[in-house]
C-alpha atoms as a PDB file:
ATOM      1  CA  MET A   1     135.604 123.074 122.935  1.00  0.00           C
ATOM      2  CA  GLU A   2     137.938 121.861 125.916  1.00  0.00           C
ATOM      3  CA  VAL A   3     141.069 119.708 125.483  1.00  0.00           C
ATOM      4  CA  TYR A   4     142.588 117.616 128.349  1.00  0.00           C
ATOM      5  CA  PHE A   5     145.776 115.439 128.691  1.00  0.00           C
ATOM      6  CA  SER A   6     146.875 113.155 131.151  1.00  0.00           C
ATOM      7  CA  PRO A   7     148.316 112.915 133.639  1.00  0.00           C
ATOM      8  CA  GLU A   8     148.020 116.572 133.977  1.00  0.00           C
ATOM      9  CA  THR A   9     144.148 115.989 134.063  1.00  0.00           C
ATOM     10  CA  ASP A  10     142.723 113.122 135.830  1.00  0.00           C
ATOM     11  CA  ILE A  11     140.519 111.665 132.862  1.00  0.00           C
ATOM     12  CA  LEU A  12     139.051 108.989 134.629  1.00  0.00           C
ATOM     13  CA  HIS A  13     137.402 111.607 136.797  1.00  0.00           C
ATOM     14  CA  LEU A  14     136.187 113.684 133.838  1.00  0.00           C
ATOM     15  CA  PHE A  15     134.520 110.681 132.361  1.00  0.00           C
ATOM     16  CA  ARG A  16     132.984 109.695 135.556  1.00  0.00           C
ATOM     17  CA  GLN A  17     131.930 113.272 136.242  1.00  0.00           C
ATOM     18  CA  GLN A  18     130.113 113.223 132.808  1.00  0.00           C
ATOM     19  CA  ILE A  19     128.583 110.098 133.313  1.00  0.00           C
ATOM     20  CA  ASN A  20     127.230 111.065 136.724  1.00  0.00           C
ATOM     21  CA  LEU A  21     125.395 114.156 135.128  1.00  0.00           C
ATOM     22  CA  THR A  22     123.823 112.180 132.406  1.00  0.00           C
ATOM     23  CA  LYS A  23     120.007 112.059 132.687  1.00  0.00           C
ATOM     24  CA  THR A  24     118.771 110.687 129.684  1.00  0.00           C
ATOM     25  CA  SER A  25     120.919 108.668 127.276  1.00  0.00           C
ATOM     26  CA  LEU A  26     124.528 107.672 126.909  1.00  0.00           C
ATOM     27  CA  TYR A  27     126.003 106.399 123.817  1.00  0.00           C
ATOM     28  CA  ALA A  28     129.547 105.203 123.553  1.00  0.00           C
ATOM     29  CA  ALA A  29     131.591 103.646 120.728  1.00  0.00           C
ATOM     30  CA  ILE A  30     134.780 102.395 122.722  1.00  0.00           C
ATOM     31  CA  SER A  31     137.465  99.657 121.796  1.00  0.00           C
ATOM     32  CA  SER A  32     137.078  98.066 125.251  1.00  0.00           C
ATOM     33  CA  ILE A  33     136.097  98.625 128.932  1.00  0.00           C
ATOM     34  CA  ASP A  34     137.381  97.266 132.123  1.00  0.00           C
ATOM     35  CA  SER A  35     137.780 100.010 134.565  1.00  0.00           C
ATOM     36  CA  GLY A  36     135.731  99.224 137.479  1.00  0.00           C
ATOM     37  CA  GLU A  37     134.940 102.825 138.302  1.00  0.00           C
ATOM     38  CA  LEU A  38     133.462 103.623 134.800  1.00  0.00           C
ATOM     39  CA  VAL A  39     131.485 100.085 134.928  1.00  0.00           C
ATOM     40  CA  GLN A  40     130.135 101.097 138.193  1.00  0.00           C
ATOM     41  CA  ALA A  41     129.260 104.640 136.977  1.00  0.00           C
ATOM     42  CA  LEU A  42     127.490 103.031 133.977  1.00  0.00           C
ATOM     43  CA  LEU A  43     125.541 100.685 136.231  1.00  0.00           C
ATOM     44  CA  GLU A  44     124.667 103.617 138.345  1.00  0.00           C
ATOM     45  CA  ALA A  45     123.265 105.517 135.411  1.00  0.00           C
ATOM     46  CA  LYS A  46     121.259 102.663 134.079  1.00  0.00           C
ATOM     47  CA  ASP A  47     119.707 102.348 137.710  1.00  0.00           C
ATOM     48  CA  ARG A  48     118.713 106.090 137.469  1.00  0.00           C
ATOM     49  CA  GLY A  49     117.109 105.356 134.144  1.00  0.00           C
ATOM     50  CA  VAL A  50     119.455 106.573 131.686  1.00  0.00           C
ATOM     51  CA  ARG A  51     119.433 104.591 128.565  1.00  0.00           C
ATOM     52  CA  VAL A  52     123.257 102.991 128.033  1.00  0.00           C
ATOM     53  CA  GLN A  53     124.282 101.646 124.717  1.00  0.00           C
ATOM     54  CA  LEU A  54     127.718 100.778 123.914  1.00  0.00           C
ATOM     55  CA  VAL A  55     129.399  99.497 120.662  1.00  0.00           C
ATOM     56  CA  LEU A  56     132.680  97.653 121.443  1.00  0.00           C
ATOM     57  CA  ASP A  57     135.316  96.013 119.171  1.00  0.00           C
ATOM     58  CA  GLU A  58     134.268  92.547 118.363  1.00  0.00           C
ATOM     59  CA  GLU A  59     137.826  91.145 119.628  1.00  0.00           C
ATOM     60  CA  TYR A  60     136.487  92.293 123.186  1.00  0.00           C
ATOM     61  CA  THR A  61     134.107  89.612 123.633  1.00  0.00           C
ATOM     62  CA  LEU A  62     136.309  87.004 121.783  1.00  0.00           C
ATOM     63  CA  ALA A  63     139.061  87.639 124.351  1.00  0.00           C
ATOM     64  CA  ASP A  64     136.525  87.739 127.394  1.00  0.00           C
ATOM     65  CA  PRO A  65     132.952  86.923 126.729  1.00  0.00           C
ATOM     66  CA  ALA A  66     131.988  86.671 130.147  1.00  0.00           C
ATOM     67  CA  GLN A  67     132.593  90.361 130.739  1.00  0.00           C
ATOM     68  CA  ALA A  68     130.435  91.296 128.026  1.00  0.00           C
ATOM     69  CA  LYS A  69     127.830  89.016 128.937  1.00  0.00           C
ATOM     70  CA  PHE A  70     128.250  90.497 132.579  1.00  0.00           C
ATOM     71  CA  LEU A  71     127.234  93.969 131.574  1.00  0.00           C
ATOM     72  CA  VAL A  72     124.295  92.831 129.226  1.00  0.00           C
ATOM     73  CA  GLY A  73     123.308  90.828 132.304  1.00  0.00           C
ATOM     74  CA  ARG A  74     123.249  94.031 134.486  1.00  0.00           C
ATOM     75  CA  GLY A  75     120.876  95.830 131.798  1.00  0.00           C
ATOM     76  CA  LEU A  76     123.229  97.544 129.544  1.00  0.00           C
ATOM     77  CA  ASP A  77     122.800  97.319 125.691  1.00  0.00           C
ATOM     78  CA  ILE A  78     125.949  95.924 124.516  1.00  0.00           C
ATOM     79  CA  ARG A  79     126.842  95.754 120.571  1.00  0.00           C
ATOM     80  CA  LEU A  80     129.897  94.098 118.773  1.00  0.00           C
ATOM     81  CA  LEU A  81     131.575  95.394 115.683  1.00  0.00           C
ATOM     82  CA  GLY A  82     134.835  94.919 113.775  1.00  0.00           C
ATOM     83  CA  GLY A  83     136.679  96.882 111.191  1.00  0.00           C
ATOM     84  CA  GLU A  84     137.188  95.685 107.695  1.00  0.00           C
ATOM     85  CA  ALA A  85     139.274  92.610 106.780  1.00  0.00           C
ATOM     86  CA  GLY A  86     139.910  91.634 110.118  1.00  0.00           C
ATOM     87  CA  GLY A  87     140.571  95.038 111.430  1.00  0.00           C
ATOM     88  CA  HIS A  88     139.216  96.614 114.748  1.00  0.00           C
ATOM     89  CA  MET A  89     136.442  99.275 115.593  1.00  0.00           C
ATOM     90  CA  ASN A  90     138.978 101.729 117.407  1.00  0.00           C
ATOM     91  CA  ASN A  91     136.637 104.564 118.010  1.00  0.00           C
ATOM     92  CA  ASN A  92     136.459 105.965 121.429  1.00  0.00           C
ATOM     93  CA  PHE A  93     133.905 108.622 121.883  1.00  0.00           C
ATOM     94  CA  ALA A  94     130.776 109.144 124.124  1.00  0.00           C
ATOM     95  CA  ILE A  95     127.713 111.031 123.683  1.00  0.00           C
ATOM     96  CA  PHE A  96     125.974 112.414 126.897  1.00  0.00           C
ATOM     97  CA  ASP A  97     122.083 113.315 126.706  1.00  0.00           C
ATOM     98  CA  GLY A  98     122.685 114.104 122.784  1.00  0.00           C
ATOM     99  CA  ARG A  99     124.578 117.491 124.014  1.00  0.00           C
ATOM    100  CA  GLU A 100     128.118 116.625 124.971  1.00  0.00           C
ATOM    101  CA  LEU A 101     130.625 114.686 123.339  1.00  0.00           C
ATOM    102  CA  LEU A 102     134.226 113.096 124.899  1.00  0.00           C
ATOM    103  CA  THR A 103     136.448 111.790 122.220  1.00  0.00           C
ATOM    104  CA  GLY A 104     140.027 110.922 122.064  1.00  0.00           C
ATOM    105  CA  SER A 105     142.578 108.135 122.587  1.00  0.00           C
ATOM    106  CA  TYR A 106     141.493 107.191 126.149  1.00  0.00           C
ATOM    107  CA  ASN A 107     140.196 103.931 126.295  1.00  0.00           C
ATOM    108  CA  TRP A 108     138.059 102.923 129.367  1.00  0.00           C
ATOM    109  CA  THR A 109     140.459 100.496 130.933  1.00  0.00           C
ATOM    110  CA  GLU A 110     142.697 100.452 133.912  1.00  0.00           C
ATOM    111  CA  ARG A 111     145.944 100.546 131.892  1.00  0.00           C
ATOM    112  CA  SER A 112     144.901 103.842 130.276  1.00  0.00           C
ATOM    113  CA  GLN A 113     144.255 105.441 133.562  1.00  0.00           C
ATOM    114  CA  ARG A 114     147.271 103.977 135.441  1.00  0.00           C
ATOM    115  CA  PHE A 115     149.972 103.899 132.687  1.00  0.00           C
ATOM    116  CA  ASN A 116     149.191 105.510 129.402  1.00  0.00           C
ATOM    117  CA  LEU A 117     149.757 109.214 128.250  1.00  0.00           C
ATOM    118  CA  GLU A 118     146.287 110.067 126.930  1.00  0.00           C
ATOM    119  CA  SER A 119     144.137 113.183 125.352  1.00  0.00           C
ATOM    120  CA  VAL A 120     140.573 113.813 125.264  1.00  0.00           C
ATOM    121  CA  LEU A 121     138.527 116.612 123.725  1.00  0.00           C
ATOM    122  CA  LEU A 122     135.192 117.809 125.306  1.00  0.00           C
ATOM    123  CA  ALA A 123     132.781 119.178 122.590  1.00  0.00           C
ATOM    124  CA  LYS A 124     129.351 120.874 123.111  1.00  0.00           C
ATOM    125  CA  GLU A 125     128.984 122.333 119.627  1.00  0.00           C
ATOM    126  CA  PRO A 126     125.658 121.112 118.316  1.00  0.00           C
ATOM    127  CA  ALA A 127     127.007 120.440 114.902  1.00  0.00           C
ATOM    128  CA  VAL A 128     130.040 118.377 116.141  1.00  0.00           C
ATOM    129  CA  VAL A 129     127.669 116.372 118.468  1.00  0.00           C
ATOM    130  CA  ALA A 130     125.281 115.907 115.796  1.00  0.00           C
ATOM    131  CA  ALA A 131     128.054 114.329 113.368  1.00  0.00           C
ATOM    132  CA  TYR A 132     128.967 111.813 116.124  1.00  0.00           C
ATOM    133  CA  ILE A 133     125.324 110.785 116.833  1.00  0.00           C
ATOM    134  CA  GLN A 134     125.085 110.186 112.993  1.00  0.00           C
ATOM    135  CA  GLU A 135     128.237 108.018 113.083  1.00  0.00           C
ATOM    136  CA  PHE A 136     126.995 106.001 116.109  1.00  0.00           C
ATOM    137  CA  GLU A 137     123.777 105.317 114.748  1.00  0.00           C
ATOM    138  CA  ARG A 138     125.583 104.107 111.600  1.00  0.00           C
ATOM    139  CA  LEU A 139     127.836 101.874 113.747  1.00  0.00           C
ATOM    140  CA  ILE A 140     124.728 100.475 115.805  1.00  0.00           C
ATOM    141  CA  GLY A 141     123.258  99.596 112.375  1.00  0.00           C
ATOM    142  CA  GLN A 142     126.258  97.476 111.308  1.00  0.00           C
ATOM    143  CA  SER A 143     126.965  95.763 114.923  1.00  0.00           C
ATOM    144  CA  VAL A 144     125.893  92.661 116.491  1.00  0.00           C
ATOM    145  CA  GLU A 145     123.924  92.566 119.807  1.00  0.00           C
ATOM    146  CA  VAL A 146     125.463  90.750 122.766  1.00  0.00           C
ATOM    147  CA  THR A 147     123.052  88.379 124.596  1.00  0.00           C
ATOM    148  CA  GLY A 148     123.684  87.191 128.095  1.00  0.00           C
ATOM    149  CA  PRO A 149     122.329  85.773 131.469  1.00  0.00           C
ATOM    150  CA  SER A 150     119.228  87.732 133.195  1.00  0.00           C
ATOM    151  CA  PRO A 151     120.163  90.122 135.871  1.00  0.00           C
ATOM    152  CA  THR A 152     119.138  87.343 138.551  1.00  0.00           C
ATOM    153  CA  GLU A 153     121.602  84.977 137.051  1.00  0.00           C
ATOM    154  CA  THR A 154     124.625  87.179 137.660  1.00  0.00           C
ATOM    155  CA  LYS A 155     123.929  87.750 141.232  1.00  0.00           C
ATOM    156  CA  ARG A 156     126.248  85.808 143.455  1.00  0.00           C
ATOM    157  CA  VAL A 157     125.522  84.424 146.818  1.00  0.00           C
ATOM    158  CA  LEU A 158     128.238  84.068 148.896  1.00  0.00           C
ATOM    159  CA  PRO A 159     128.317  81.062 150.798  1.00  0.00           C
ATOM    160  CA  PRO A 160     129.691  80.277 154.266  1.00  0.00           C
ATOM    161  CA  LEU A 161     132.493  78.051 154.863  1.00  0.00           C
ATOM    162  CA  PRO A 162     132.816  75.012 154.743  1.00  0.00           C
ATOM    163  CA  LYS A 163     129.378  73.421 153.638  1.00  0.00           C
ATOM    164  CA  GLU A 164     129.040  75.212 150.252  1.00  0.00           C
ATOM    165  CA  LEU A 165     132.450  74.616 149.466  1.00  0.00           C
ATOM    166  CA  ALA A 166     132.515  70.887 150.071  1.00  0.00           C
ATOM    167  CA  GLY A 167     134.934  68.966 147.844  1.00  0.00           C
ATOM    168  CA  LYS A 168     137.706  71.630 147.906  1.00  0.00           C
ATOM    169  CA  GLU A 169     140.448  70.794 150.415  1.00  0.00           C
ATOM    170  CA  PHE A 170     141.296  73.594 152.603  1.00  0.00           C
ATOM    171  CA  LEU A 171     144.336  74.179 154.447  1.00  0.00           C
ATOM    172  CA  SER A 172     144.413  75.455 158.065  1.00  0.00           C
ATOM    173  CA  ILE A 173     147.143  77.702 157.661  1.00  0.00           C
ATOM    174  CA  SER A 174     147.369  81.353 157.906  1.00  0.00           C
ATOM    175  CA  PHE A 175     149.440  83.534 155.248  1.00  0.00           C
ATOM    176  CA  HIS A 176     152.156  84.590 157.603  1.00  0.00           C
ATOM    177  CA  GLU A 177     152.654  80.656 158.613  1.00  0.00           C
ATOM    178  CA  MET A 178     152.854  80.035 154.749  1.00  0.00           C
ATOM    179  CA  GLU A 179     155.313  82.916 154.466  1.00  0.00           C
ATOM    180  CA  ARG A 180     157.523  81.537 157.268  1.00  0.00           C
ATOM    181  CA  MET A 181     157.893  78.279 155.313  1.00  0.00           C
ATOM    182  CA  PHE A 182     158.070  79.772 152.061  1.00  0.00           C
ATOM    183  CA  GLY A 183     158.995  83.460 152.175  1.00  0.00           C
ATOM    184  CA  ARG A 184     162.065  85.443 152.900  1.00  0.00           C
ATOM    185  CA  GLU A 185     162.635  84.440 156.343  1.00  0.00           C
ATOM    186  CA  SER A 186     162.372  80.750 155.238  1.00  0.00           C
ATOM    187  CA  GLN A 187     165.041  78.384 156.806  1.00  0.00           C
ATOM    188  CA  LEU A 188     164.500  75.957 153.989  1.00  0.00           C
ATOM    189  CA  GLY A 189     166.685  75.602 150.871  1.00  0.00           C
ATOM    190  CA  SER A 190     165.599  75.818 147.388  1.00  0.00           C
ATOM    191  CA  ALA A 191     165.123  72.217 146.884  1.00  0.00           C
ATOM    192  CA  GLU A 192     163.352  71.775 150.418  1.00  0.00           C
ATOM    193  CA  LYS A 193     160.907  74.412 149.428  1.00  0.00           C
ATOM    194  CA  LYS A 194     160.159  72.874 146.151  1.00  0.00           C
ATOM    195  CA  ARG A 195     159.514  69.436 147.924  1.00  0.00           C
ATOM    196  CA  ALA A 196     157.264  71.044 150.661  1.00  0.00           C
ATOM    197  CA  TRP A 197     155.209  72.852 148.207  1.00  0.00           C
ATOM    198  CA  GLU A 198     154.158  69.617 146.574  1.00  0.00           C
ATOM    199  CA  ASP A 199     151.743  69.169 149.917  1.00  0.00           C
ATOM    200  CA  TYR A 200     150.408  72.524 149.420  1.00  0.00           C
ATOM    201  CA  GLN A 201     150.024  73.191 145.753  1.00  0.00           C
ATOM    202  CA  GLY A 202     146.252  72.720 144.431  1.00  0.00           C
ATOM    203  CA  LYS A 203     144.781  73.026 147.763  1.00  0.00           C
ATOM    204  CA  TYR A 204     142.612  76.132 149.154  1.00  0.00           C
ATOM    205  CA  VAL A 205     143.291  78.598 151.587  1.00  0.00           C
ATOM    206  CA  ARG A 206     141.027  81.244 153.253  1.00  0.00           C
ATOM    207  CA  TRP A 207     142.946  84.620 153.944  1.00  0.00           C
ATOM    208  CA  GLN A 208     142.290  88.176 154.487  1.00  0.00           C
ATOM    209  CA  GLY A 209     144.147  90.902 152.858  1.00  0.00           C
ATOM    210  CA  VAL A 210     144.203  94.637 151.396  1.00  0.00           C
ATOM    211  CA  VAL A 211     143.771  95.170 147.605  1.00  0.00           C
ATOM    212  CA  VAL A 212     147.065  96.735 146.031  1.00  0.00           C
ATOM    213  CA  HIS A 213     146.144  96.411 142.281  1.00  0.00           C
ATOM    214  CA  LYS A 214     143.984  95.131 139.916  1.00  0.00           C
ATOM    215  CA  GLY A 215     144.580  93.769 136.486  1.00  0.00           C
ATOM    216  CA  ALA A 216     145.357  96.584 134.014  1.00  0.00           C
ATOM    217  CA  ALA A 217     144.206  94.829 130.724  1.00  0.00           C
ATOM    218  CA  ARG A 218     140.764  93.572 129.636  1.00  0.00           C
ATOM    219  CA  MET A 219     142.344  90.077 129.843  1.00  0.00           C
ATOM    220  CA  ASP A 220     143.317  90.530 133.480  1.00  0.00           C
ATOM    221  CA  TRP A 221     140.241  91.929 134.672  1.00  0.00           C
ATOM    222  CA  ASN A 222     140.229  89.087 137.547  1.00  0.00           C
ATOM    223  CA  LYS A 223     143.620  89.407 138.691  1.00  0.00           C
ATOM    224  CA  VAL A 224     143.808  91.100 141.985  1.00  0.00           C
ATOM    225  CA  GLY A 225     147.183  91.863 143.935  1.00  0.00           C
ATOM    226  CA  ILE A 226     146.885  91.717 147.657  1.00  0.00           C
ATOM    227  CA  ARG A 227     149.043  92.443 150.439  1.00  0.00           C
ATOM    228  CA  HIS A 228     148.876  90.611 154.038  1.00  0.00           C
ATOM    229  CA  GLY A 229     151.472  92.464 155.913  1.00  0.00           C
ATOM    230  CA  GLN A 230     152.359  96.233 156.430  1.00  0.00           C
ATOM    231  CA  GLY A 231     154.482  96.432 153.383  1.00  0.00           C
ATOM    232  CA  LYS A 232     153.132  98.353 149.957  1.00  0.00           C
ATOM    233  CA  GLU A 233     153.812  95.630 147.492  1.00  0.00           C
ATOM    234  CA  ALA A 234     151.395  92.639 146.911  1.00  0.00           C
ATOM    235  CA  ASP A 235     152.550  89.417 148.246  1.00  0.00           C
ATOM    236  CA  VAL A 236     149.739  87.281 146.802  1.00  0.00           C
ATOM    237  CA  GLU A 237     148.213  87.521 143.116  1.00  0.00           C
ATOM    238  CA  VAL A 238     144.618  85.896 143.050  1.00  0.00           C
ATOM    239  CA  SER A 239     142.663  84.951 139.635  1.00  0.00           C
ATOM    240  CA  PHE A 240     139.072  85.380 140.688  1.00  0.00           C
ATOM    241  CA  ASN A 241     136.290  83.329 138.907  1.00  0.00           C
ATOM    242  CA  TRP A 242     134.144  85.375 136.651  1.00  0.00           C
ATOM    243  CA  ASN A 243     130.884  85.289 138.965  1.00  0.00           C
ATOM    244  CA  ASN A 244     132.833  87.601 141.192  1.00  0.00           C
ATOM    245  CA  MET A 245     133.032  90.187 138.408  1.00  0.00           C
ATOM    246  CA  GLU A 246     130.572  92.712 139.871  1.00  0.00           C
ATOM    247  CA  ASP A 247     132.571  92.790 143.228  1.00  0.00           C
ATOM    248  CA  ILE A 248     135.939  92.555 141.412  1.00  0.00           C
ATOM    249  CA  LEU A 249     135.230  95.703 139.138  1.00  0.00           C
ATOM    250  CA  THR A 250     134.025  98.032 142.238  1.00  0.00           C
ATOM    251  CA  LEU A 251     137.187  97.105 144.490  1.00  0.00           C
ATOM    252  CA  ARG A 252     139.463  99.975 145.043  1.00  0.00           C
ATOM    253  CA  GLU A 253     143.057 100.048 146.079  1.00  0.00           C
ATOM    254  CA  GLY A 254     142.868  99.732 150.065  1.00  0.00           C
ATOM    255  CA  ASP A 255     139.893  97.717 150.231  1.00  0.00           C
ATOM    256  CA  SER A 256     140.025  94.879 152.802  1.00  0.00           C
ATOM    257  CA  ILE A 257     138.681  91.418 151.420  1.00  0.00           C
ATOM    258  CA  THR A 258     138.349  87.968 152.435  1.00  0.00           C
ATOM    259  CA  TYR A 259     138.692  85.283 149.896  1.00  0.00           C
ATOM    260  CA  THR A 260     139.224  81.743 149.407  1.00  0.00           C
ATOM    261  CA  ALA A 261     141.676  80.614 146.619  1.00  0.00           C
ATOM    262  CA  ARG A 262     143.633  77.510 145.258  1.00  0.00           C
ATOM    263  CA  LEU A 263     147.480  77.657 145.567  1.00  0.00           C
ATOM    264  CA  SER A 264     149.025  77.615 142.098  1.00  0.00           C
ATOM    265  CA  GLN A 265     152.495  78.858 142.534  1.00  0.00           C
ATOM    266  CA  ARG A 266     154.754  79.710 145.261  1.00  0.00           C
ATOM    267  CA  ARG A 267     156.466  82.958 145.973  1.00  0.00           C
ATOM    268  CA  GLY A 268     159.586  83.467 143.913  1.00  0.00           C
ATOM    269  CA  ARG A 269     162.267  86.161 143.774  1.00  0.00           C
ATOM    270  CA  GLY A 270     160.459  89.327 143.584  1.00  0.00           C
ATOM    271  CA  ALA A 271     157.129  87.503 142.505  1.00  0.00           C
ATOM    272  CA  PRO A 272     154.096  86.972 144.704  1.00  0.00           C
ATOM    273  CA  TYR A 273     152.309  83.761 145.403  1.00  0.00           C
ATOM    274  CA  ARG A 274     149.785  82.887 142.693  1.00  0.00           C
ATOM    275  CA  LEU A 275     146.493  81.589 143.261  1.00  0.00           C
ATOM    276  CA  ASP A 276     143.536  80.708 141.074  1.00  0.00           C
ATOM    277  CA  ASP A 277     139.898  79.910 141.431  1.00  0.00           C
ATOM    278  CA  GLY A 278     139.286  82.563 143.910  1.00  0.00           C
ATOM    279  CA  GLU A 279     135.977  83.479 145.444  1.00  0.00           C
ATOM    280  CA  LEU A 280     135.215  86.772 147.436  1.00  0.00           C
ATOM    281  CA  LEU A 281     133.867  86.495 150.621  1.00  0.00           C
ATOM    282  CA  LYS A 282     131.653  89.046 152.349  1.00  0.00           C
END
């Protein structure tokens, strides 16, 4: 039996390594999942022929049903379960090939990896693993299966501009031109910026940038911080549409992306521009 603590141990790497070594089955009861790396590892395992079955807290799908349905659409077996009297399914354990177990405080989320102090235990003792298999079977028996779109329905075709995006009013303005008008070097006063923003708000832009961070909670999987200059901080935060989920979950910090989105909120003191209705382009 082995015990690991973060941040001394990269627990995300530990989980991904275990998933990558799995050959036949992976059963997990976890409260939620939004880690792009772990989702990608599960999808790769499924593509290798591994049977992947997850039991999630039912609040997970109530908060963001599209995400659970996306996982179902990619071929994962997703079940939902709540606790007693409005409580939660708060287990966090995974069984690999019926022989190894990882359990502990670690949620399969970006927040757990980036911000939390966590602990996990790796057990290989047959009696311990067997007890967790029995508990997983009990949870499965009480759970509800999630249905979702077929895999073909979740594949997103990335259309070229402007034909397939007809009906959206695009501005012919670069990020740096926008920044000269509303950013730190702007010569406009506060009232002038407010009036000028009215001509831009609600319209669409097509920009290129570098990923700085992604949402750290299951409600924020689609929020991506992007920088457009040489700095380290995000100067834009984009909320992407759920049909971009497969690509968003696999984005890494430092990736260069091209996207379209609708201007929602101008830059404030210490705050980035906020855009919504985002679409990733390739």
